[in-house]
């Protein structure tokens, strides 16, 4: 769960990082609030779209299990790990 949260936050921050790099390449200060005031809403929208596309892609390309899940159990004194059968 923590990995998915970490990936989602990083993906949301990608537009902000790209914008700050673009400011640096244009010889402008990335720490000047005047540059960020107009672009902030568009960056938030771009980040949310990227996260949404990530969720859609992860659902589309996730591994599917079509069998029934058998939980882990002990069979004749031996541990049998859970899995799909």
N, C-alpha and C. Protein backbone atom coordinates (compact mmCIF):
# COMPACT_ATOMS: atom_id res chain seq x y z
N UNK A 1 0.81 -1.19 0.00
CA UNK A 1 0.00 0.00 0.00
C UNK A 1 0.86 1.26 0.00
N UNK A 2 1.95 1.20 0.73
CA UNK A 2 2.82 2.38 0.80
C UNK A 2 3.49 2.63 -0.55
N UNK A 3 3.77 1.56 -1.29
CA UNK A 3 4.39 1.72 -2.62
C UNK A 3 3.43 2.42 -3.57
N UNK A 4 2.18 2.04 -3.54
CA UNK A 4 1.19 2.65 -4.43
C UNK A 4 1.01 4.13 -4.08
N UNK A 5 0.97 4.44 -2.79
CA UNK A 5 0.84 5.83 -2.36
C UNK A 5 2.05 6.64 -2.79
N UNK A 6 3.25 6.07 -2.61
CA UNK A 6 4.49 6.75 -2.99
C UNK A 6 4.53 7.01 -4.49
N UNK A 7 4.17 6.00 -5.29
CA UNK A 7 4.16 6.16 -6.74
C UNK A 7 3.14 7.22 -7.17
N UNK A 8 2.00 7.24 -6.53
CA UNK A 8 0.95 8.21 -6.89
C UNK A 8 1.39 9.63 -6.58
N UNK A 9 2.00 9.83 -5.41
CA UNK A 9 2.47 11.17 -5.04
C UNK A 9 3.58 11.62 -5.99
N UNK A 10 4.51 10.72 -6.31
CA UNK A 10 5.58 11.08 -7.24
C UNK A 10 5.02 11.42 -8.61
N UNK A 11 4.05 10.66 -9.06
CA UNK A 11 3.45 10.93 -10.37
C UNK A 11 2.72 12.26 -10.38
N UNK A 12 2.08 12.62 -9.26
CA UNK A 12 1.40 13.90 -9.16
C UNK A 12 2.41 15.05 -9.21
N UNK A 13 3.60 14.85 -8.67
CA UNK A 13 4.61 15.92 -8.60
C UNK A 13 5.41 16.10 -9.90
N UNK A 14 5.29 15.17 -10.84
CA UNK A 14 6.05 15.25 -12.09
C UNK A 14 5.80 16.56 -12.85
N UNK A 15 4.56 17.03 -13.04
CA UNK A 15 4.37 18.31 -13.75
C UNK A 15 5.04 19.49 -13.06
N UNK A 16 5.05 19.49 -11.73
CA UNK A 16 5.69 20.57 -10.99
C UNK A 16 7.20 20.57 -11.19
N UNK A 17 7.79 19.39 -11.20
CA UNK A 17 9.23 19.27 -11.42
C UNK A 17 9.58 19.69 -12.84
N UNK A 18 8.79 19.25 -13.81
CA UNK A 18 9.05 19.64 -15.20
C UNK A 18 8.91 21.15 -15.40
N UNK A 19 7.93 21.76 -14.74
CA UNK A 19 7.76 23.21 -14.84
C UNK A 19 8.94 23.96 -14.23
N UNK A 20 9.42 23.48 -13.09
CA UNK A 20 10.58 24.14 -12.48
C UNK A 20 11.82 23.98 -13.33
N UNK A 21 11.98 22.82 -13.99
CA UNK A 21 13.10 22.65 -14.92
C UNK A 21 12.97 23.58 -16.12
N UNK A 22 11.74 23.76 -16.59
CA UNK A 22 11.51 24.66 -17.72
C UNK A 22 11.85 26.10 -17.32
N UNK A 23 11.51 26.47 -16.10
CA UNK A 23 11.87 27.81 -15.62
C UNK A 23 13.39 27.97 -15.54
N UNK A 24 14.06 26.94 -15.05
CA UNK A 24 15.52 27.00 -14.94
C UNK A 24 16.17 27.12 -16.32
N UNK A 25 15.66 26.37 -17.30
CA UNK A 25 16.21 26.44 -18.65
C UNK A 25 15.98 27.82 -19.27
N UNK A 26 14.92 28.50 -18.87
CA UNK A 26 14.63 29.84 -19.38
C UNK A 26 15.32 30.93 -18.58
N UNK A 27 16.26 30.57 -17.73
CA UNK A 27 17.02 31.52 -16.92
C UNK A 27 16.14 32.32 -15.97
N UNK A 28 15.04 31.70 -15.52
CA UNK A 28 14.16 32.35 -14.55
C UNK A 28 14.24 31.61 -13.23
N UNK A 29 13.92 32.29 -12.18
CA UNK A 29 14.00 31.69 -10.85
C UNK A 29 12.78 30.78 -10.61
N UNK A 30 13.05 29.55 -10.21
CA UNK A 30 11.96 28.62 -9.90
C UNK A 30 11.35 28.93 -8.54
N UNK A 31 11.99 29.80 -7.75
CA UNK A 31 11.50 30.13 -6.42
C UNK A 31 10.71 31.43 -6.39
N UNK A 32 10.51 32.05 -7.53
CA UNK A 32 9.74 33.29 -7.60
C UNK A 32 8.24 32.95 -7.67
N UNK A 33 7.45 33.37 -6.68
CA UNK A 33 6.01 33.02 -6.68
C UNK A 33 5.25 33.58 -7.88
N UNK A 34 5.75 34.62 -8.51
CA UNK A 34 5.05 35.19 -9.66
C UNK A 34 4.98 34.20 -10.83
N UNK A 35 5.98 33.36 -10.97
CA UNK A 35 5.98 32.37 -12.05
C UNK A 35 4.98 31.25 -11.79
N UNK A 36 4.73 30.97 -10.53
CA UNK A 36 3.89 29.83 -10.17
C UNK A 36 2.42 30.20 -10.05
N UNK A 37 2.10 31.46 -9.86
CA UNK A 37 0.72 31.83 -9.58
C UNK A 37 -0.23 31.52 -10.74
N UNK A 38 0.20 31.77 -11.95
CA UNK A 38 -0.66 31.51 -13.10
C UNK A 38 -0.67 30.04 -13.49
N UNK A 39 0.40 29.34 -13.28
CA UNK A 39 0.53 27.97 -13.75
C UNK A 39 0.07 26.93 -12.72
N UNK A 40 -0.17 27.34 -11.49
CA UNK A 40 -0.42 26.37 -10.43
C UNK A 40 -1.65 25.50 -10.70
N UNK A 41 -2.75 26.12 -11.10
CA UNK A 41 -3.98 25.35 -11.35
C UNK A 41 -3.78 24.36 -12.50
N UNK A 42 -3.11 24.77 -13.55
CA UNK A 42 -2.86 23.87 -14.67
C UNK A 42 -1.95 22.71 -14.26
N UNK A 43 -0.99 22.98 -13.40
CA UNK A 43 -0.10 21.92 -12.92
C UNK A 43 -0.85 20.93 -12.04
N UNK A 44 -1.75 21.41 -11.22
CA UNK A 44 -2.56 20.52 -10.39
C UNK A 44 -3.45 19.65 -11.26
N UNK A 45 -4.06 20.25 -12.28
CA UNK A 45 -4.91 19.48 -13.20
C UNK A 45 -4.08 18.44 -13.95
N UNK A 46 -2.90 18.84 -14.42
CA UNK A 46 -2.04 17.88 -15.13
C UNK A 46 -1.62 16.74 -14.21
N UNK A 47 -1.32 17.05 -12.95
CA UNK A 47 -0.95 16.01 -12.00
C UNK A 47 -2.10 15.05 -11.73
N UNK A 48 -3.32 15.59 -11.59
CA UNK A 48 -4.48 14.74 -11.36
C UNK A 48 -4.79 13.87 -12.58
N UNK A 49 -4.62 14.42 -13.77
CA UNK A 49 -4.83 13.64 -14.98
C UNK A 49 -3.80 12.50 -15.07
N UNK A 50 -2.55 12.80 -14.73
CA UNK A 50 -1.51 11.77 -14.75
C UNK A 50 -1.83 10.66 -13.75
N UNK A 51 -2.28 11.02 -12.57
CA UNK A 51 -2.64 10.02 -11.56
C UNK A 51 -3.84 9.21 -12.04
N UNK A 52 -4.84 9.86 -12.63
CA UNK A 52 -5.99 9.15 -13.16
C UNK A 52 -5.61 8.17 -14.25
N UNK A 53 -4.75 8.60 -15.16
CA UNK A 53 -4.28 7.69 -16.22
C UNK A 53 -3.49 6.52 -15.65
N UNK A 54 -2.72 6.78 -14.59
CA UNK A 54 -1.98 5.71 -13.93
C UNK A 54 -2.94 4.68 -13.34
N UNK A 55 -4.02 5.14 -12.69
CA UNK A 55 -4.98 4.20 -12.12
C UNK A 55 -5.69 3.40 -13.21
N UNK A 56 -6.07 4.05 -14.29
CA UNK A 56 -6.74 3.35 -15.39
C UNK A 56 -5.79 2.32 -16.01
N UNK A 57 -4.54 2.70 -16.23
CA UNK A 57 -3.57 1.77 -16.82
C UNK A 57 -3.28 0.60 -15.89
N UNK A 58 -3.21 0.87 -14.59
CA UNK A 58 -2.93 -0.23 -13.66
C UNK A 58 -4.10 -1.21 -13.60
N UNK A 59 -5.33 -0.72 -13.77
CA UNK A 59 -6.48 -1.62 -13.79
C UNK A 59 -6.50 -2.42 -15.10
N UNK A 60 -6.15 -1.77 -16.21
CA UNK A 60 -6.20 -2.45 -17.50
C UNK A 60 -5.12 -3.52 -17.64
N UNK A 61 -3.94 -3.28 -17.08
CA UNK A 61 -2.82 -4.19 -17.29
C UNK A 61 -2.47 -5.03 -16.07
N UNK A 62 -3.32 -5.03 -15.05
CA UNK A 62 -3.06 -5.81 -13.85
C UNK A 62 -3.24 -7.30 -14.15
N UNK A 63 -2.50 -8.10 -13.40
CA UNK A 63 -2.61 -9.55 -13.55
C UNK A 63 -3.98 -10.00 -13.05
N UNK A 64 -4.65 -10.82 -13.84
CA UNK A 64 -5.99 -11.28 -13.47
C UNK A 64 -5.92 -12.74 -13.01
N UNK A 65 -6.69 -13.05 -11.98
CA UNK A 65 -6.79 -14.42 -11.48
C UNK A 65 -8.24 -14.84 -11.64
N UNK A 66 -8.45 -15.92 -12.36
CA UNK A 66 -9.82 -16.34 -12.65
C UNK A 66 -10.27 -17.50 -11.79
N UNK A 67 -9.39 -18.07 -10.99
CA UNK A 67 -9.77 -19.17 -10.12
C UNK A 67 -10.25 -18.67 -8.77
N UNK A 68 -10.57 -19.62 -7.93
CA UNK A 68 -11.00 -19.28 -6.57
C UNK A 68 -9.75 -19.20 -5.68
N UNK A 69 -9.77 -18.28 -4.74
CA UNK A 69 -8.64 -18.12 -3.82
C UNK A 69 -8.77 -19.13 -2.69
N UNK A 70 -7.69 -19.87 -2.46
CA UNK A 70 -7.63 -20.82 -1.36
C UNK A 70 -6.66 -20.24 -0.34
N UNK A 71 -7.13 -19.92 0.87
CA UNK A 71 -6.24 -19.32 1.86
C UNK A 71 -5.19 -20.30 2.35
N UNK A 72 -4.14 -19.77 2.95
CA UNK A 72 -3.09 -20.62 3.51
C UNK A 72 -3.67 -21.50 4.60
N UNK A 73 -3.20 -22.74 4.63
CA UNK A 73 -3.71 -23.66 5.64
C UNK A 73 -2.66 -24.74 5.93
N UNK A 74 -2.94 -25.55 6.93
CA UNK A 74 -2.05 -26.66 7.27
C UNK A 74 -2.77 -27.94 6.87
N UNK A 75 -2.09 -28.73 6.01
CA UNK A 75 -2.66 -29.97 5.49
C UNK A 75 -1.75 -31.12 5.90
N UNK A 76 -2.24 -32.02 6.75
CA UNK A 76 -1.47 -33.17 7.25
C UNK A 76 -0.16 -32.73 7.90
N UNK A 77 -0.20 -31.65 8.66
CA UNK A 77 0.97 -31.16 9.36
C UNK A 77 1.93 -30.36 8.51
N UNK A 78 1.57 -30.08 7.27
CA UNK A 78 2.41 -29.31 6.36
C UNK A 78 1.74 -28.00 6.01
N UNK A 79 2.51 -26.93 6.00
CA UNK A 79 1.98 -25.61 5.65
C UNK A 79 1.81 -25.53 4.14
N UNK A 80 0.62 -25.16 3.72
CA UNK A 80 0.33 -24.96 2.29
C UNK A 80 0.00 -23.49 2.10
N UNK A 81 0.84 -22.78 1.30
CA UNK A 81 0.58 -21.35 1.12
C UNK A 81 -0.70 -21.10 0.32
N UNK A 82 -1.29 -19.95 0.55
CA UNK A 82 -2.51 -19.60 -0.16
C UNK A 82 -2.22 -19.27 -1.62
N UNK A 83 -3.25 -19.29 -2.41
CA UNK A 83 -3.10 -18.97 -3.82
C UNK A 83 -4.39 -19.20 -4.59
N UNK A 84 -4.35 -18.91 -5.85
CA UNK A 84 -5.51 -19.10 -6.72
C UNK A 84 -5.43 -20.47 -7.37
N UNK A 85 -6.55 -21.15 -7.40
CA UNK A 85 -6.59 -22.48 -8.04
C UNK A 85 -7.73 -22.54 -9.02
